[in-house]
Amino acid sequence: MVSQPQPSDRPLVHRPASVSSRSTNTRRHRTTRSHTGGVSYRPQNEFPNFAQTGDVEIIINADGQEKRYMLHRLILAQCSGFFETGTSEEWSKAQARGQTPGQRPSNSLGRIREDDVPGRSSYSGGGRLQWRYELDWGNKDDEVPMLVQKQPQSTLFGGDANQPPPVPHKPPPPAYGFLRSMSNFSAMQSASHISKANPHTPDSDIVRDYDNLFRIFYNYAPALDAVNIAESYIQCKSLLTLADMYDALEVVGPRIDHHLLQFQGRLWKQIAKYPPSYLKLGYLARSKVIFAEALVHVVGQWPSGSSQLKHTVPPDVLEVIEDKVDDLQERKMKTEARLFRLTLTTPKGERVTPSNAYMDWLALSLFRQWLAENTTPPPPPIPKTPEAQQRAAYSQPPPLSSGNLFRLLGTGGSGYLARDEMKRFVRLRPDDHQRDTLKKFEKKMDEIKAMAREIVRPLMRNCLELDMGRDGGGLGYLTCTRVDEDDFPF
């Protein structure tokens, strides 16, 4: 009688009916025993330990933790310029000669064998070359730790265990690294979570950042906070800084972009609070959406964010900002000029004057006076005493910001020059204070406001993903800056 198969996670194997269950069990147990009599162990061959196919060992020591990786040189070189350089034949052999890559070898040196290349060895049987990296904290407490090559251990890679390891060699940074080309990018480095000396950033974050870096290399989703957007921003910026150190922004950037865009509305609000910071992050991540959203805020607020961006971003980013600021200022000046030239005409088509349409002319005068008071600061008072000068300074209301001014004009209605204010103006001439006169004055003012609303309409365009509503979301600046495809500096 053939025994019934028991449910298990193993795949079903069809065997002839003549084979007994005893022989099947015997064969199964035989295949799971080694020659030494113990249960055989099959080495792991998946991320992060490709024990069977990996050829690059990476050891991360931080905060009392040690994490080991056995990865593939091919994948690391494809994703990172640092590993592409460090594992190249030219670099490794040049290090063995004590030269830099591309330097002409001396005639006195003999031919370098593959076994003499530092940081590389071969399996005793397979002959496959190996590399080994360890995190080097350096001699300074404030130095950003990086991976350096060391001699692979014989227990993992074969070779002579008694041979002393060579001096660690660190590949030179490629010229296209962002942080390395901007050595004064202190704001990004001080805020990164990979500095050992920063007491507010535990070293355990380094383990997380490196793990996320290698996870992305192997097409795994990085372990980033998906609930707290503030914490997620810190983690993403730290990971981007690390990726830039290893010239892997092209691979890591899209992952960061995808992760942050999942926050949607919360992301737009955070960008509105911290536009310079997100502008830097969007540049590093090569995120067009985040970069454009932050750029609109930065241009509208300029120059309030200039201190956070100057000397901390590449010149091409500053060039884009300054071009957009100049364009916005020019548009605002042209709009203000048109508002001051706004006029009314009589039924005969003549421009109104005090002689042909007195009340219409008064309405235009009041509008222009209000516009002048809110586009230019008031003249300084000339009081006799310092106390009176201080009181006068507090009594004069400051002009509206450009954003609030144009939004009032774009809204129209009773947002400015309301009925009570017009009534007080008309009462300045008691002889003209009649109900019909006030109604005619209000009608002309509504006509002026409608014309002003059409003039400022182009400045009312919102180029943000953020929904600001009719009041502009409380922003005191314009958000009409358009970011085209040619404006991205990456």
Protein backbone atom coordinates (compact mmCIF):
# COMPACT_ATOMS: atom_id res chain seq x y z
CA MET A 1 0.00 0.00 0.00
CA VAL A 2 1.41 3.35 -1.07
CA SER A 3 1.37 5.99 1.64
CA GLN A 4 -0.40 9.29 0.95
CA PRO A 5 1.83 12.34 0.51
CA GLN A 6 1.78 14.79 3.41
CA PRO A 7 1.19 18.51 2.74
CA SER A 8 4.43 20.49 2.79
CA ASP A 9 6.13 23.47 1.16
CA ARG A 10 8.23 21.21 -1.08
CA PRO A 11 7.21 20.78 -4.72
CA LEU A 12 5.44 17.55 -5.59
CA VAL A 13 7.63 15.01 -7.36
CA HIS A 14 5.92 12.22 -9.31
CA ARG A 15 7.50 8.83 -8.81
CA PRO A 16 6.60 5.42 -10.21
CA ALA A 17 3.98 3.53 -8.24
CA SER A 18 6.39 0.64 -7.72
CA VAL A 19 8.64 2.74 -5.54
CA SER A 20 7.73 2.23 -1.91
CA SER A 21 7.40 4.99 0.61
CA ARG A 22 10.37 3.57 2.49
CA SER A 23 12.67 3.84 -0.46
CA THR A 24 11.38 7.35 -1.12
CA ASN A 25 12.05 8.45 2.44
CA THR A 26 15.46 6.79 2.39
CA ARG A 27 16.44 8.57 -0.79
CA ARG A 28 15.18 11.88 0.61
CA HIS A 29 17.27 11.52 3.74
CA ARG A 30 20.32 10.48 1.78
CA THR A 31 20.21 13.63 -0.34
CA THR A 32 20.11 15.84 2.75
CA ARG A 33 23.22 14.35 4.40
CA SER A 34 26.76 15.40 3.78
CA HIS A 35 29.79 13.14 3.50
CA THR A 36 30.71 13.92 7.11
CA GLY A 37 27.45 12.54 8.40
CA GLY A 38 25.82 15.90 9.32
CA VAL A 39 22.94 17.66 7.64
CA SER A 40 24.17 19.45 4.51
CA TYR A 41 24.05 23.28 4.40
CA ARG A 42 23.27 25.08 1.20
CA PRO A 43 24.83 28.58 1.18
CA GLN A 44 22.49 31.48 0.72
CA ASN A 45 22.50 33.00 -2.75
CA GLU A 46 20.16 35.96 -2.49
CA PHE A 47 20.38 39.53 -1.35
CA PRO A 48 22.26 40.56 0.72
CA ASN A 49 24.46 37.47 0.72
CA PHE A 50 25.14 35.94 -2.68
CA ALA A 51 27.50 33.36 -1.23
CA GLN A 52 27.61 31.27 -4.40
CA THR A 53 27.89 33.94 -7.10
CA GLY A 54 28.98 37.12 -5.30
CA ASP A 55 32.47 38.47 -5.81
CA VAL A 56 32.46 41.72 -3.76
CA GLU A 57 32.38 41.57 0.03
CA ILE A 58 31.30 44.77 1.81
CA ILE A 59 31.47 45.20 5.58
CA ILE A 60 29.66 48.07 7.32
CA ASN A 61 30.72 48.72 10.93
CA ALA A 62 28.82 51.47 12.73
CA ASP A 63 27.32 52.02 16.17
CA GLY A 64 28.48 48.61 17.36
CA GLN A 65 26.76 46.93 14.44
CA GLU A 66 28.37 44.95 11.65
CA LYS A 67 26.55 44.11 8.48
CA ARG A 68 28.12 42.06 5.70
CA TYR A 69 27.17 41.93 2.05
CA MET A 70 28.32 39.57 -0.67
CA LEU A 71 27.37 41.30 -3.90
CA HIS A 72 28.30 41.30 -7.57
CA ARG A 73 30.91 43.52 -9.11
CA LEU A 74 28.92 43.76 -12.35
CA ILE A 75 25.82 45.19 -10.65
CA LEU A 76 27.81 47.51 -8.38
CA ALA A 77 29.79 48.86 -11.33
CA GLN A 78 26.64 49.44 -13.36
CA CYS A 79 24.98 51.41 -10.55
CA SER A 80 27.94 53.28 -9.06
CA GLY A 81 30.84 55.14 -10.62
CA PHE A 82 32.78 54.61 -7.40
CA PHE A 83 32.65 50.82 -7.70
CA GLU A 84 33.16 50.95 -11.45
CA THR A 85 36.43 52.78 -10.88
CA GLY A 86 37.53 50.85 -7.80
CA THR A 87 37.06 47.42 -9.36
CA SER A 88 38.45 48.28 -12.78
CA GLU A 89 41.61 46.63 -14.08
CA GLU A 90 43.27 49.96 -14.74
CA TRP A 91 42.69 51.29 -11.22
CA SER A 92 43.64 48.10 -9.40
CA LYS A 93 46.86 47.55 -11.35
CA ALA A 94 47.80 51.22 -11.04
CA GLN A 95 47.40 50.95 -7.28
CA ALA A 96 49.68 47.94 -7.26
CA ARG A 97 52.32 50.01 -9.08
CA GLY A 98 51.80 52.95 -6.74
CA GLN A 99 50.49 55.09 -9.62
CA THR A 100 47.25 56.79 -10.50
CA PRO A 101 45.09 55.43 -13.33
CA GLY A 102 46.29 56.63 -16.72
CA GLN A 103 49.87 57.29 -15.53
CA ARG A 104 52.56 55.83 -17.74
CA PRO A 105 54.27 52.88 -16.01
CA SER A 106 57.97 53.05 -15.17
CA ASN A 107 60.37 50.86 -17.14
CA SER A 108 61.90 49.58 -13.91
CA LEU A 109 58.69 47.88 -12.82
CA GLY A 110 57.94 44.38 -13.89
CA ARG A 111 54.64 43.07 -15.11
CA ILE A 112 51.90 43.05 -12.47
CA ARG A 113 50.15 39.77 -12.02
CA GLU A 114 46.45 39.57 -11.14
CA ASP A 115 47.31 38.04 -7.78
CA ASP A 116 49.36 41.14 -6.92
CA VAL A 117 46.44 43.54 -7.29
CA PRO A 118 45.43 44.90 -3.85
CA GLY A 119 41.88 44.32 -2.78
CA ARG A 120 41.53 41.32 -5.06
CA SER A 121 42.14 37.60 -4.74
CA SER A 122 40.80 34.41 -6.24
CA TYR A 123 39.06 31.33 -4.99
CA SER A 124 41.50 28.51 -4.47
CA GLY A 125 39.55 26.40 -6.92
CA GLY A 126 37.54 28.59 -9.25
CA GLY A 127 40.00 31.39 -9.94
CA ARG A 128 37.29 34.05 -9.73
CA LEU A 129 38.63 37.46 -8.68
CA GLN A 130 37.28 39.04 -5.50
CA TRP A 131 37.08 42.46 -3.92
CA ARG A 132 36.58 43.43 -0.29
CA TYR A 133 35.49 46.82 1.10
CA GLU A 134 35.24 48.05 4.66
CA LEU A 135 33.84 51.28 6.04
CA ASP A 136 36.73 53.55 6.97
CA TRP A 137 36.06 56.25 9.57
CA GLY A 138 39.42 57.92 8.95
CA ASN A 139 41.57 59.71 11.48
CA LYS A 140 39.27 62.70 12.01
CA ASP A 141 36.09 62.59 14.00
CA ASP A 142 34.26 64.83 11.53
CA GLU A 143 35.30 62.91 8.43
CA VAL A 144 32.51 61.34 6.43
CA PRO A 145 33.18 57.58 6.39
CA MET A 146 33.60 55.85 3.06
CA LEU A 147 34.34 52.36 1.86
CA VAL A 148 37.94 51.45 1.14
CA GLN A 149 39.45 48.37 -0.45
CA LYS A 150 41.17 45.78 1.71
CA GLN A 151 42.65 42.36 1.13
CA PRO A 152 39.90 39.69 1.11
CA GLN A 153 40.05 37.27 4.04
CA SER A 154 41.22 33.75 3.30
CA THR A 155 38.26 32.22 5.14
CA LEU A 156 35.89 33.56 2.54
CA PHE A 157 37.99 33.92 -0.57
CA GLY A 158 40.94 31.63 -0.23
CA GLY A 159 44.57 32.68 -0.38
CA ASP A 160 47.31 33.00 2.21
CA ALA A 161 45.90 33.94 5.62
CA ASN A 162 49.39 34.83 6.92
CA GLN A 163 49.95 37.48 4.28
CA PRO A 164 49.56 40.97 5.85
CA PRO A 165 46.78 43.06 4.29
CA PRO A 166 47.94 45.92 2.09
CA VAL A 167 47.31 49.56 2.86
CA PRO A 168 43.68 50.41 2.04
CA HIS A 169 43.22 52.25 -1.23
CA LYS A 170 40.34 54.57 -1.95
CA PRO A 171 39.52 55.29 -5.62
CA PRO A 172 39.68 58.96 -6.59
CA PRO A 173 36.29 60.70 -6.77
CA PRO A 174 35.04 61.09 -10.35
CA ALA A 175 34.75 64.66 -11.57
CA TYR A 176 31.00 64.56 -12.08
CA GLY A 177 30.05 64.03 -8.41
CA PHE A 178 27.80 66.86 -7.23
CA LEU A 179 28.97 67.22 -3.62
CA ARG A 180 32.59 66.72 -4.57
CA SER A 181 32.36 69.36 -7.29
CA MET A 182 30.77 71.67 -4.71
CA SER A 183 33.18 71.33 -1.79
CA ASN A 184 31.42 74.08 0.11
CA PHE A 185 28.07 72.32 0.07
CA SER A 186 28.10 72.40 3.86
CA ALA A 187 24.37 72.63 4.31
CA MET A 188 23.75 69.22 2.74
CA GLN A 189 26.64 67.54 4.52
CA SER A 190 25.79 69.00 7.94
CA ALA A 191 22.20 67.87 7.61
CA SER A 192 23.10 64.40 6.36
CA HIS A 193 22.75 61.38 8.59
CA ILE A 194 26.12 59.89 7.79
CA SER A 195 28.34 62.01 9.97
CA LYS A 196 29.86 60.24 12.95
CA ALA A 197 30.48 63.44 14.89
CA ASN A 198 26.91 64.69 14.80
CA PRO A 199 25.33 63.69 18.13
CA HIS A 200 21.84 64.16 16.70
CA THR A 201 22.37 61.56 13.96
CA PRO A 202 23.16 58.11 15.42
CA ASP A 203 25.63 55.94 13.58
CA SER A 204 22.94 53.35 13.15
CA ASP A 205 21.55 55.56 10.38
CA ILE A 206 24.67 54.75 8.39
CA VAL A 207 23.76 51.07 8.41
CA ARG A 208 20.27 51.98 7.21
CA ASP A 209 21.57 54.24 4.44
CA TYR A 210 24.04 51.70 3.09
CA ASP A 211 21.43 48.97 3.23
CA ASN A 212 18.99 51.16 1.29
CA LEU A 213 21.70 51.98 -1.22
CA PHE A 214 22.44 48.34 -1.95
CA ARG A 215 18.75 47.43 -1.92
CA ILE A 216 18.14 49.96 -4.68
CA PHE A 217 21.08 48.56 -6.64
CA TYR A 218 19.32 45.19 -6.60
CA ASN A 219 15.92 46.68 -7.47
CA TYR A 220 14.47 46.35 -3.97
CA ALA A 221 12.37 49.14 -2.48
CA PRO A 222 14.33 51.17 0.10
CA ALA A 223 13.19 51.03 3.72
CA LEU A 224 12.01 54.65 4.11
CA ASP A 225 9.38 56.14 6.38
CA ALA A 226 6.05 56.12 4.55
CA VAL A 227 3.99 57.84 7.29
CA ASN A 228 5.98 60.77 8.71
CA ILE A 229 6.95 62.98 5.79
CA ALA A 230 9.40 65.03 7.87
CA GLU A 231 11.31 61.90 8.87
CA SER A 232 11.07 60.58 5.33
CA TYR A 233 12.66 63.78 4.03
CA ILE A 234 15.61 63.38 6.39
CA GLN A 235 16.10 59.77 5.37
CA CYS A 236 15.82 60.57 1.66
CA LYS A 237 18.29 63.44 1.86
CA SER A 238 20.74 61.28 3.80
CA LEU A 239 20.44 58.51 1.23
CA LEU A 240 20.88 60.94 -1.66
CA THR A 241 24.00 62.37 -0.05
CA LEU A 242 25.41 58.86 0.28
CA ALA A 243 24.46 58.03 -3.29
CA ASP A 244 26.23 61.14 -4.52
CA MET A 245 29.38 60.11 -2.66
CA TYR A 246 29.36 56.88 -4.68
CA ASP A 247 28.16 58.46 -7.93
CA ALA A 248 24.87 56.57 -7.91
CA LEU A 249 22.37 59.42 -8.14
CA GLU A 250 21.04 58.25 -11.49
CA VAL A 251 19.98 54.97 -9.89
CA VAL A 252 18.90 56.20 -6.44
CA GLY A 253 17.22 59.44 -7.54
CA PRO A 254 14.18 57.86 -9.26
CA ARG A 255 13.51 55.70 -6.18
CA ILE A 256 13.52 58.78 -3.93
CA ASP A 257 11.27 60.63 -6.35
CA HIS A 258 8.79 57.76 -6.43
CA HIS A 259 8.76 57.44 -2.64
CA LEU A 260 8.18 61.14 -1.89
CA LEU A 261 5.52 61.62 -4.56
CA GLN A 262 3.38 59.06 -2.77
CA PHE A 263 2.74 61.66 -0.05
CA GLN A 264 0.94 63.84 -2.64
CA GLY A 265 -0.84 66.72 -0.84
CA ARG A 266 1.35 66.49 2.24
CA LEU A 267 4.43 66.77 0.07
CA TRP A 268 3.21 69.99 -1.58
CA LYS A 269 2.57 71.53 1.84
CA GLN A 270 6.03 70.57 3.07
CA ILE A 271 7.64 72.07 -0.01
CA ALA A 272 5.74 75.30 0.62
CA LYS A 273 7.22 75.40 4.15
CA TYR A 274 10.81 74.58 3.17
CA PRO A 275 11.28 75.40 -0.54
CA PRO A 276 15.10 75.86 -0.52
CA SER A 277 15.64 72.49 1.14
CA TYR A 278 13.36 70.68 -1.28
CA LEU A 279 14.94 72.49 -4.21
CA LYS A 280 18.29 70.93 -3.27
CA LEU A 281 16.68 67.53 -2.74
CA GLY A 282 14.83 67.74 -6.05
CA TYR A 283 18.08 68.58 -7.80
CA LEU A 284 19.94 65.64 -6.27
CA ALA A 285 17.08 63.23 -6.99
CA ARG A 286 16.69 64.61 -10.51
CA SER A 287 13.00 64.97 -9.72
CA LYS A 288 11.38 67.39 -12.13
CA VAL A 289 8.15 67.56 -10.15
CA ILE A 290 9.76 68.34 -6.78
CA PHE A 291 12.35 70.68 -8.30
CA ALA A 292 9.73 72.65 -10.25
CA GLU A 293 7.39 72.90 -7.24
CA ALA A 294 10.17 74.21 -5.02
CA LEU A 295 11.48 76.54 -7.72
CA VAL A 296 8.14 78.34 -8.02
CA HIS A 297 8.19 79.02 -4.26
CA VAL A 298 11.83 80.10 -4.27
CA VAL A 299 11.31 82.54 -7.16
CA GLY A 300 8.19 84.01 -5.56
CA GLN A 301 9.95 84.53 -2.21
CA TRP A 302 13.25 85.75 -3.60
CA PRO A 303 15.52 87.03 -2.11
CA SER A 304 14.35 85.61 1.23
CA GLY A 305 15.79 82.17 0.41
CA SER A 306 19.01 83.40 -1.17
CA SER A 307 21.09 82.89 2.00
CA GLN A 308 20.22 79.17 2.03
CA LEU A 309 20.99 78.63 -1.64
CA LYS A 310 23.94 80.81 -2.55
CA HIS A 311 27.26 78.96 -2.26
CA THR A 312 25.36 75.71 -1.60
CA VAL A 313 23.97 74.86 -5.04
CA PRO A 314 25.70 74.66 -8.43
CA PRO A 315 25.93 77.82 -10.54
CA ASP A 316 23.51 76.48 -13.13
CA VAL A 317 20.78 76.17 -10.47
CA LEU A 318 21.36 79.76 -9.32
CA GLU A 319 21.29 80.87 -12.93
CA VAL A 320 17.85 79.33 -13.42
CA ILE A 321 16.57 81.00 -10.24
CA GLU A 322 17.91 84.44 -11.15
CA ASP A 323 16.52 84.22 -14.68
CA LYS A 324 13.08 83.35 -13.36
CA VAL A 325 13.26 86.12 -10.74
CA ASP A 326 14.16 88.70 -13.39
CA ASP A 327 11.34 87.49 -15.62
CA LEU A 328 8.81 87.73 -12.77
CA GLN A 329 9.98 91.21 -11.78
CA GLU A 330 9.64 92.40 -15.35
CA ARG A 331 6.12 91.03 -15.58
CA LYS A 332 5.14 92.72 -12.33
CA MET A 333 6.56 96.08 -13.44
CA LYS A 334 4.69 95.92 -16.74
CA THR A 335 1.49 95.03 -14.92
CA GLU A 336 1.85 97.91 -12.47
CA ALA A 337 2.48 100.31 -15.34
CA ARG A 338 -0.71 99.18 -17.05
CA LEU A 339 -2.66 99.59 -13.82
CA PHE A 340 -1.48 103.16 -13.38
CA ARG A 341 -2.40 103.94 -17.01
CA LEU A 342 -5.86 102.49 -16.57
CA THR A 343 -8.51 105.06 -17.56
CA LEU A 344 -12.20 105.54 -18.32
CA THR A 345 -13.84 107.17 -21.30
CA THR A 346 -16.96 109.24 -21.77
CA PRO A 347 -19.87 108.13 -23.99
CA LYS A 348 -18.21 110.16 -26.75
CA GLY A 349 -14.99 108.13 -26.42
CA GLU A 350 -12.99 110.85 -24.71
CA ARG A 351 -10.69 110.23 -21.76
CA VAL A 352 -12.38 111.38 -18.55
CA THR A 353 -11.15 114.64 -17.02
CA PRO A 354 -12.39 116.84 -14.18
CA SER A 355 -14.14 118.98 -16.78
CA ASN A 356 -16.07 116.33 -18.75
CA ALA A 357 -16.72 113.56 -16.12
CA TYR A 358 -15.86 114.76 -12.66
CA MET A 359 -17.15 111.80 -10.63
CA ASP A 360 -15.51 109.30 -12.99
CA TRP A 361 -12.24 111.17 -12.65
CA LEU A 362 -12.59 111.07 -8.84
CA ALA A 363 -13.07 107.29 -8.95
CA LEU A 364 -9.90 106.91 -11.03
CA SER A 365 -8.00 109.20 -8.66
CA LEU A 366 -9.03 107.16 -5.62
CA PHE A 367 -8.01 103.90 -7.32
CA ARG A 368 -4.60 105.26 -8.32
CA GLN A 369 -4.01 106.64 -4.84
CA TRP A 370 -4.78 103.25 -3.30
CA LEU A 371 -2.48 101.55 -5.84
CA ALA A 372 0.37 103.97 -5.13
CA GLU A 373 0.09 103.48 -1.36
CA ASN A 374 0.33 99.69 -1.72
CA THR A 375 3.10 99.51 -4.30
CA THR A 376 5.55 102.01 -2.78
CA PRO A 377 6.62 102.54 0.82
CA PRO A 378 5.39 105.77 2.45
CA PRO A 379 7.84 108.67 2.69
CA PRO A 380 9.73 108.92 5.98
CA PRO A 381 8.13 111.32 8.48
CA ILE A 382 9.95 114.37 9.82
CA PRO A 383 8.89 114.65 13.48
CA LYS A 384 10.66 116.91 15.95
CA THR A 385 11.39 114.33 18.67
CA PRO A 386 12.53 110.69 18.56
CA GLU A 387 9.40 109.66 20.48
CA ALA A 388 7.16 111.25 17.87
CA GLN A 389 9.20 109.66 15.10
CA GLN A 390 8.70 106.22 16.64
CA ARG A 391 4.95 106.78 17.02
CA ALA A 392 4.71 107.90 13.39
CA ALA A 393 6.56 104.80 12.21
CA TYR A 394 4.07 102.53 14.00
CA SER A 395 1.05 104.49 12.79
CA GLN A 396 1.86 104.04 9.08
CA PRO A 397 0.73 100.66 7.77
CA PRO A 398 3.28 98.88 5.56
CA PRO A 399 2.42 98.36 1.90
CA LEU A 400 0.96 95.05 0.81
CA SER A 401 3.25 92.36 -0.53
CA SER A 402 3.19 91.94 -4.28
CA GLY A 403 1.37 88.64 -4.01
CA ASN A 404 -1.37 89.95 -1.75
CA LEU A 405 -1.72 93.15 -3.78
CA PHE A 406 -2.21 91.41 -7.11
CA ARG A 407 -4.50 88.81 -5.57
CA LEU A 408 -6.73 91.58 -4.23
CA LEU A 409 -6.81 93.14 -7.67
CA GLY A 410 -7.44 89.77 -9.25
CA THR A 411 -10.31 89.05 -6.89
CA GLY A 412 -11.99 92.43 -7.11
CA GLY A 413 -15.29 92.92 -5.28
CA SER A 414 -15.15 94.34 -1.77
CA GLY A 415 -11.65 93.01 -1.04
CA TYR A 416 -10.30 96.54 -1.40
CA LEU A 417 -11.88 100.00 -1.64
CA ALA A 418 -15.07 98.73 -0.03
CA ARG A 419 -18.35 100.70 0.14
CA ASP A 420 -17.58 102.31 3.50
CA GLU A 421 -14.27 103.64 2.22
CA MET A 422 -15.92 105.05 -0.88
CA LYS A 423 -18.63 106.66 1.25
CA ARG A 424 -16.01 108.43 3.38
CA PHE A 425 -14.34 109.65 0.23
CA VAL A 426 -17.53 111.05 -1.22
CA ARG A 427 -18.36 112.80 2.07
CA LEU A 428 -15.27 114.95 1.68
CA ARG A 429 -17.50 117.13 -0.51
CA PRO A 430 -20.75 117.64 1.39
CA ASP A 431 -22.46 119.19 -1.61
CA ASP A 432 -22.05 115.95 -3.58
CA HIS A 433 -23.09 113.62 -0.81
CA GLN A 434 -26.28 112.25 -2.25
CA ARG A 435 -27.58 108.74 -2.67
CA ASP A 436 -27.47 108.91 -6.45
CA THR A 437 -23.94 110.29 -6.42
CA LEU A 438 -22.68 107.44 -4.23
CA LYS A 439 -24.35 104.83 -6.43
CA LYS A 440 -22.79 106.33 -9.54
CA PHE A 441 -19.40 106.41 -7.83
CA GLU A 442 -19.69 102.74 -6.80
CA LYS A 443 -20.67 101.78 -10.33
CA LYS A 444 -17.63 103.47 -11.80
CA MET A 445 -15.37 101.88 -9.19
CA ASP A 446 -16.73 98.44 -10.06
CA GLU A 447 -15.94 99.16 -13.68
CA ILE A 448 -12.37 100.11 -12.78
CA LYS A 449 -11.96 96.98 -10.65
CA ALA A 450 -13.16 94.79 -13.53
CA MET A 451 -10.57 96.34 -15.84
CA ALA A 452 -7.84 95.87 -13.21
CA ARG A 453 -8.83 92.22 -12.75
CA GLU A 454 -8.25 91.55 -16.46
CA ILE A 455 -4.87 93.27 -16.35
CA VAL A 456 -3.54 91.14 -13.48
CA ARG A 457 -5.08 87.87 -14.67
CA PRO A 458 -1.79 86.48 -16.09
CA LEU A 459 -0.15 86.95 -12.67
CA MET A 460 -2.95 85.03 -10.97
CA ARG A 461 -2.01 81.77 -12.63
CA ASN A 462 -0.99 79.09 -10.13
CA CYS A 463 1.85 76.89 -11.43
CA LEU A 464 1.99 74.83 -8.23
CA GLU A 465 0.59 71.40 -7.53
CA LEU A 466 -0.52 72.89 -4.20
CA ASP A 467 -4.17 73.89 -4.14
CA MET A 468 -4.13 77.41 -2.71
CA GLY A 469 -7.81 78.33 -3.05
CA ARG A 470 -9.10 81.84 -3.74
CA ASP A 471 -7.03 83.52 -1.02
CA GLY A 472 -3.74 82.13 -2.29
CA GLY A 473 -3.32 79.69 0.58
CA GLY A 474 -1.88 82.42 2.77
CA LEU A 475 1.15 82.87 0.51
CA GLY A 476 2.31 86.46 0.23
CA TYR A 477 4.03 85.98 -3.12
CA LEU A 478 3.13 85.09 -6.67
CA THR A 479 3.19 81.50 -7.91
CA CYS A 480 2.84 82.17 -11.63
CA THR A 481 6.41 81.16 -12.56
CA ARG A 482 6.27 78.62 -15.34
CA VAL A 483 8.97 75.93 -15.41
CA ASP A 484 9.60 74.55 -18.89
CA GLU A 485 11.54 71.48 -19.91
CA ASP A 486 14.58 73.58 -20.84
CA ASP A 487 14.71 75.11 -17.35
CA PHE A 488 15.80 71.94 -15.58
CA PRO A 489 19.57 72.00 -14.92
CA PHE A 490 19.83 68.20 -15.07
